[in-house]
Amino acid sequence: MWLPLIGLIVGLVVGFLLDWRVPQEYSSYLSIALLAGLDTIFGGIRSFLERTFNVRIFMSGFFFNTLFAAGLAFIGGFLGIDLYLAAIVAFGVRLFNNLAVIRRIVLSKWINQQE
């Protein structure tokens, strides 16, 4: 349980200490990778709260979503079309949907504890 938190803290400290910039031509790939990762994390939290979590589904979803979205961005860049925007919209919708479900689950558990 503490290992992800320690990794997050170390990553934030290293990120703030280093002055590292992402080149402009890779910014669309990074934005998609970030959204795919967040979507997978919040989907994992949702499935954990619903007691349906499976680590194989979690890991395969993370890599498949990231690679598929990066492939869309690459093909779109090759064709001169901003296809990465479709992936950003899809991951954004899924992310907010997962957050809404997580909020409902947590609130219902909290309300049931109060009774």
Protein backbone atom coordinates (compact mmCIF):
# COMPACT_ATOMS: atom_id res chain seq x y z
CA MET A 1 0.00 0.00 0.00
CA TRP A 2 2.83 2.41 0.75
CA LEU A 3 4.89 1.65 -2.35
CA PRO A 4 2.68 3.58 -4.82
CA LEU A 5 2.57 6.55 -2.44
CA ILE A 6 6.35 6.54 -2.05
CA GLY A 7 6.73 6.30 -5.84
CA LEU A 8 4.39 9.25 -6.28
CA ILE A 9 6.30 11.37 -3.77
CA VAL A 10 9.69 10.49 -5.29
CA GLY A 11 8.35 11.22 -8.78
CA LEU A 12 6.98 14.61 -7.73
CA VAL A 13 10.21 15.58 -5.98
CA VAL A 14 12.37 14.55 -8.96
CA GLY A 15 9.96 16.31 -11.34
CA PHE A 16 10.15 19.57 -9.43
CA LEU A 17 13.94 19.44 -9.03
CA LEU A 18 14.78 18.73 -12.68
CA ASP A 19 14.17 21.33 -15.35
CA TRP A 20 13.09 18.91 -18.06
CA ARG A 21 10.94 20.01 -20.98
CA VAL A 22 8.95 17.85 -23.38
CA PRO A 23 9.60 18.78 -27.02
CA GLN A 24 6.60 20.32 -28.77
CA GLU A 25 6.33 17.51 -31.34
CA TYR A 26 5.82 14.95 -28.54
CA SER A 27 3.29 16.92 -26.50
CA SER A 28 0.26 15.24 -28.09
CA TYR A 29 1.70 11.78 -27.33
CA LEU A 30 2.40 12.78 -23.72
CA SER A 31 -1.10 14.17 -23.23
CA ILE A 32 -2.64 10.96 -24.52
CA ALA A 33 -0.35 8.81 -22.39
CA LEU A 34 -1.23 10.85 -19.31
CA LEU A 35 -4.96 10.58 -19.94
CA ALA A 36 -4.71 6.86 -20.69
CA GLY A 37 -2.84 6.32 -17.44
CA LEU A 38 -5.31 8.36 -15.41
CA ASP A 39 -8.24 6.58 -17.06
CA THR A 40 -6.74 3.21 -16.18
CA ILE A 41 -5.96 4.22 -12.60
CA PHE A 42 -9.45 5.56 -11.93
CA GLY A 43 -10.97 2.54 -13.69
CA GLY A 44 -8.92 0.33 -11.37
CA ILE A 45 -10.09 2.25 -8.31
CA ARG A 46 -13.67 1.95 -9.51
CA SER A 47 -13.38 -1.81 -10.08
CA PHE A 48 -11.70 -2.21 -6.67
CA LEU A 49 -14.59 -0.41 -4.98
CA GLU A 50 -17.07 -2.54 -6.93
CA ARG A 51 -15.05 -5.64 -5.87
CA THR A 52 -14.39 -6.69 -9.49
CA PHE A 53 -10.70 -5.74 -9.72
CA ASN A 54 -8.44 -8.02 -11.77
CA VAL A 55 -4.78 -7.10 -12.14
CA ARG A 56 -4.50 -8.73 -15.57
CA ILE A 57 -7.37 -6.66 -16.92
CA PHE A 58 -5.87 -3.57 -15.28
CA MET A 59 -2.41 -4.03 -16.81
CA SER A 60 -3.63 -5.10 -20.24
CA GLY A 61 -6.05 -2.16 -20.34
CA PHE A 62 -3.28 0.26 -19.43
CA PHE A 63 -0.91 -0.91 -22.16
CA PHE A 64 -3.58 -1.44 -24.82
CA ASN A 65 -5.21 1.95 -24.24
CA THR A 66 -1.88 3.76 -24.23
CA LEU A 67 -0.55 2.04 -27.34
CA PHE A 68 -3.82 2.39 -29.24
CA ALA A 69 -4.11 6.09 -28.43
CA ALA A 70 -0.47 6.70 -29.33
CA GLY A 71 -1.03 4.80 -32.58
CA LEU A 72 -4.03 7.02 -33.33
CA ALA A 73 -1.93 10.11 -32.71
CA PHE A 74 0.87 8.79 -34.89
CA ILE A 75 -1.43 7.89 -37.79
CA GLY A 76 -3.21 11.23 -37.44
CA GLY A 77 0.12 13.07 -37.53
CA PHE A 78 1.16 11.07 -40.57
CA LEU A 79 -2.11 11.93 -42.36
CA GLY A 80 -2.15 15.55 -41.17
CA ILE A 81 -5.33 15.05 -39.11
CA ASP A 82 -5.58 15.64 -35.36
CA LEU A 83 -6.85 12.15 -34.49
CA TYR A 84 -5.35 12.42 -31.01
CA LEU A 85 -8.24 14.75 -30.13
CA ALA A 86 -10.65 11.82 -30.50
CA ALA A 87 -8.62 9.82 -27.97
CA ILE A 88 -8.46 12.81 -25.61
CA VAL A 89 -12.25 13.22 -25.74
CA ALA A 90 -12.85 9.48 -25.24
CA PHE A 91 -10.44 9.22 -22.31
CA GLY A 92 -11.80 12.43 -20.81
CA VAL A 93 -15.38 11.15 -20.90
CA ARG A 94 -14.35 7.81 -19.38
CA LEU A 95 -12.27 9.55 -16.71
CA PHE A 96 -15.15 11.77 -15.56
CA ASN A 97 -17.56 8.81 -15.69
CA ASN A 98 -15.24 6.76 -13.47
CA LEU A 99 -14.84 9.70 -11.07
CA ALA A 100 -18.62 10.07 -10.83
CA VAL A 101 -19.09 6.37 -10.06
CA ILE A 102 -16.26 6.44 -7.48
CA ARG A 103 -17.87 9.47 -5.82
CA ARG A 104 -21.25 7.72 -5.66
CA ILE A 105 -19.75 4.55 -4.19
CA VAL A 106 -17.71 6.42 -1.57
CA LEU A 107 -20.63 8.64 -0.59
CA SER A 108 -23.02 5.70 -0.31
CA LYS A 109 -20.55 3.83 1.91
CA TRP A 110 -20.02 6.94 4.02
CA ILE A 111 -23.76 7.53 4.39
CA ASN A 112 -24.34 3.88 5.34
CA GLN A 113 -21.67 4.17 8.05
CA GLN A 114 -23.37 7.25 9.47
CA GLU A 115 -26.67 5.41 9.98
